């Protein structure tokens, strides 16, 4: 099943999505690279959606705190 990607307004992030079952955060950047961050709580995804700056939130909260892979 494909993850529903939600377009966001950001200078470097194009879309984000979340898989509740696997707690996987999907982030498609404007350079068309997509990363999946593992074991991200759903609350963090909800905070990302409401963050005024998606890129700043990812840098501050997600990157460096969750393992990731590029798909």
N, C-alpha and C. Protein backbone atom coordinates (compact mmCIF):
# COMPACT_ATOMS: atom_id res chain seq x y z
N UNK A 1 0.83 -1.19 0.00
CA UNK A 1 0.00 0.00 0.00
C UNK A 1 0.87 1.25 0.00
N UNK A 2 0.57 2.15 -0.90
CA UNK A 2 1.35 3.38 -1.00
C UNK A 2 0.99 4.33 0.14
N UNK A 3 1.98 5.07 0.56
CA UNK A 3 1.78 6.06 1.62
C UNK A 3 1.16 7.31 1.00
N UNK A 4 0.13 7.85 1.62
CA UNK A 4 -0.46 9.09 1.15
C UNK A 4 0.51 10.23 1.47
N UNK A 5 0.92 10.94 0.42
CA UNK A 5 1.84 12.05 0.60
C UNK A 5 1.03 13.35 0.59
N UNK A 6 1.34 14.21 1.54
CA UNK A 6 0.63 15.47 1.72
C UNK A 6 1.54 16.61 1.28
N UNK A 7 1.13 17.38 0.26
CA UNK A 7 1.95 18.53 -0.14
C UNK A 7 2.04 19.55 1.00
N UNK A 8 3.23 20.13 1.17
CA UNK A 8 3.42 21.15 2.20
C UNK A 8 4.08 22.38 1.58
N UNK A 9 3.88 23.50 2.23
CA UNK A 9 4.52 24.74 1.80
C UNK A 9 5.85 24.84 2.52
N UNK A 10 6.93 24.79 1.75
CA UNK A 10 8.27 24.81 2.34
C UNK A 10 9.26 25.18 1.26
N UNK A 11 10.39 25.75 1.68
CA UNK A 11 11.42 26.10 0.71
C UNK A 11 12.27 24.89 0.30
N UNK A 12 12.18 23.78 1.05
CA UNK A 12 12.97 22.61 0.67
C UNK A 12 12.23 21.28 0.77
N UNK A 13 11.01 21.26 1.33
CA UNK A 13 10.24 20.03 1.45
C UNK A 13 9.02 20.11 0.55
N UNK A 14 8.80 19.07 -0.25
CA UNK A 14 7.65 19.06 -1.15
C UNK A 14 6.44 18.36 -0.58
N UNK A 15 6.66 17.17 -0.01
CA UNK A 15 5.55 16.38 0.51
C UNK A 15 6.01 15.57 1.71
N UNK A 16 5.08 15.26 2.59
CA UNK A 16 5.36 14.39 3.73
C UNK A 16 4.24 13.36 3.83
N UNK A 17 4.56 12.21 4.40
CA UNK A 17 3.57 11.17 4.61
C UNK A 17 3.96 10.36 5.83
N UNK A 18 3.00 9.59 6.33
CA UNK A 18 3.27 8.83 7.55
C UNK A 18 2.55 7.50 7.50
N UNK A 19 3.25 6.44 7.87
CA UNK A 19 2.67 5.10 7.97
C UNK A 19 2.51 4.78 9.45
N UNK A 20 1.27 4.78 9.92
CA UNK A 20 0.98 4.57 11.34
C UNK A 20 1.47 3.20 11.79
N UNK A 21 1.26 2.18 10.97
CA UNK A 21 1.62 0.81 11.36
C UNK A 21 3.11 0.63 11.61
N UNK A 22 3.93 1.20 10.74
CA UNK A 22 5.38 1.04 10.88
C UNK A 22 6.06 2.24 11.52
N UNK A 23 5.29 3.29 11.82
CA UNK A 23 5.83 4.55 12.37
C UNK A 23 6.94 5.10 11.48
N UNK A 24 6.68 5.07 10.17
CA UNK A 24 7.66 5.57 9.20
C UNK A 24 7.21 6.92 8.67
N UNK A 25 8.10 7.90 8.79
CA UNK A 25 7.87 9.24 8.27
C UNK A 25 8.54 9.34 6.91
N UNK A 26 7.74 9.64 5.88
CA UNK A 26 8.26 9.79 4.52
C UNK A 26 8.36 11.28 4.20
N UNK A 27 9.51 11.70 3.70
CA UNK A 27 9.73 13.10 3.35
C UNK A 27 10.29 13.17 1.94
N UNK A 28 9.55 13.81 1.04
CA UNK A 28 10.04 14.04 -0.32
C UNK A 28 10.46 15.50 -0.40
N UNK A 29 11.75 15.69 -0.63
CA UNK A 29 12.30 17.04 -0.73
C UNK A 29 12.08 17.59 -2.13
N UNK A 30 12.25 18.88 -2.30
CA UNK A 30 12.04 19.51 -3.60
C UNK A 30 13.05 19.07 -4.64
N UNK A 31 14.16 18.46 -4.21
CA UNK A 31 15.13 17.92 -5.16
C UNK A 31 14.74 16.51 -5.62
N UNK A 32 13.50 16.10 -5.28
CA UNK A 32 12.92 14.80 -5.64
C UNK A 32 13.54 13.62 -4.93
N UNK A 33 14.35 13.84 -3.92
CA UNK A 33 14.86 12.73 -3.11
C UNK A 33 13.86 12.48 -1.99
N UNK A 34 13.62 11.20 -1.72
CA UNK A 34 12.67 10.81 -0.69
C UNK A 34 13.38 10.00 0.37
N UNK A 35 13.17 10.39 1.61
CA UNK A 35 13.78 9.69 2.74
C UNK A 35 12.68 9.16 3.64
N UNK A 36 12.94 8.01 4.24
CA UNK A 36 12.02 7.42 5.20
C UNK A 36 12.74 7.37 6.54
N UNK A 37 12.16 8.02 7.52
CA UNK A 37 12.71 8.05 8.88
C UNK A 37 11.95 7.01 9.70
N UNK A 38 12.68 6.16 10.42
CA UNK A 38 12.08 5.02 11.13
C UNK A 38 11.72 5.34 12.57
N UNK A 39 10.69 4.66 13.05
CA UNK A 39 10.28 4.71 14.46
C UNK A 39 9.95 6.11 14.94
N UNK A 40 9.32 6.89 14.08
CA UNK A 40 8.92 8.26 14.42
C UNK A 40 7.51 8.21 15.02
N UNK A 41 7.32 8.69 16.24
CA UNK A 41 5.97 8.69 16.83
C UNK A 41 5.00 9.53 16.00
N UNK A 42 3.75 9.13 15.99
CA UNK A 42 2.74 9.87 15.22
C UNK A 42 2.63 11.31 15.69
N UNK A 43 2.85 11.56 16.97
CA UNK A 43 2.78 12.93 17.50
C UNK A 43 3.82 13.83 16.82
N UNK A 44 4.99 13.27 16.51
CA UNK A 44 6.03 14.06 15.83
C UNK A 44 5.56 14.42 14.42
N UNK A 45 4.92 13.47 13.74
CA UNK A 45 4.37 13.76 12.41
C UNK A 45 3.32 14.87 12.49
N UNK A 46 2.44 14.81 13.47
CA UNK A 46 1.42 15.84 13.62
C UNK A 46 2.05 17.21 13.91
N UNK A 47 3.11 17.21 14.72
CA UNK A 47 3.83 18.47 14.99
C UNK A 47 4.46 19.01 13.72
N UNK A 48 5.01 18.11 12.89
CA UNK A 48 5.60 18.53 11.61
C UNK A 48 4.55 19.21 10.74
N UNK A 49 3.38 18.61 10.65
CA UNK A 49 2.32 19.19 9.82
C UNK A 49 1.92 20.58 10.28
N UNK A 50 1.97 20.84 11.57
CA UNK A 50 1.55 22.14 12.08
C UNK A 50 2.72 23.12 12.27
N UNK A 51 3.93 22.66 12.03
CA UNK A 51 5.10 23.54 12.22
C UNK A 51 5.11 24.65 11.17
N UNK A 52 5.42 25.87 11.59
CA UNK A 52 5.46 26.98 10.63
C UNK A 52 6.57 26.79 9.59
N UNK A 53 7.66 26.14 9.97
CA UNK A 53 8.75 25.86 9.03
C UNK A 53 9.03 24.36 9.05
N UNK A 54 8.63 23.69 7.96
CA UNK A 54 8.82 22.23 7.90
C UNK A 54 10.30 21.87 7.93
N UNK A 55 11.12 22.59 7.16
CA UNK A 55 12.55 22.30 7.10
C UNK A 55 13.23 22.48 8.45
N UNK A 56 12.90 23.56 9.15
CA UNK A 56 13.49 23.80 10.46
C UNK A 56 13.08 22.72 11.45
N UNK A 57 11.82 22.32 11.39
CA UNK A 57 11.34 21.27 12.28
C UNK A 57 12.09 19.96 12.01
N UNK A 58 12.22 19.61 10.74
CA UNK A 58 12.94 18.38 10.39
C UNK A 58 14.37 18.43 10.89
N UNK A 59 15.04 19.57 10.68
CA UNK A 59 16.42 19.71 11.13
C UNK A 59 16.55 19.63 12.65
N UNK A 60 15.61 20.22 13.35
CA UNK A 60 15.68 20.30 14.80
C UNK A 60 15.22 19.03 15.50
N UNK A 61 14.17 18.39 14.99
CA UNK A 61 13.52 17.29 15.71
C UNK A 61 13.78 15.91 15.10
N UNK A 62 13.83 15.84 13.78
CA UNK A 62 13.88 14.53 13.13
C UNK A 62 15.30 14.11 12.76
N UNK A 63 16.00 14.94 12.01
CA UNK A 63 17.34 14.58 11.55
C UNK A 63 18.27 14.41 12.75
N UNK A 64 19.01 13.32 12.74
CA UNK A 64 19.93 13.05 13.83
C UNK A 64 19.30 12.31 15.00
N UNK A 65 17.97 12.25 15.04
CA UNK A 65 17.29 11.55 16.13
C UNK A 65 16.64 10.25 15.69
N UNK A 66 16.43 10.08 14.39
CA UNK A 66 15.79 8.87 13.87
C UNK A 66 16.63 8.33 12.71
N UNK A 67 16.75 7.02 12.64
CA UNK A 67 17.47 6.43 11.52
C UNK A 67 16.65 6.61 10.25
N UNK A 68 17.33 6.63 9.12
CA UNK A 68 16.63 6.90 7.86
C UNK A 68 17.28 6.12 6.72
N UNK A 69 16.53 6.03 5.63
CA UNK A 69 17.07 5.48 4.39
C UNK A 69 16.45 6.27 3.24
N UNK A 70 17.17 6.31 2.13
CA UNK A 70 16.65 6.98 0.95
C UNK A 70 15.97 5.93 0.09
N UNK A 71 14.80 6.29 -0.44
CA UNK A 71 14.11 5.38 -1.34
C UNK A 71 13.95 5.97 -2.72
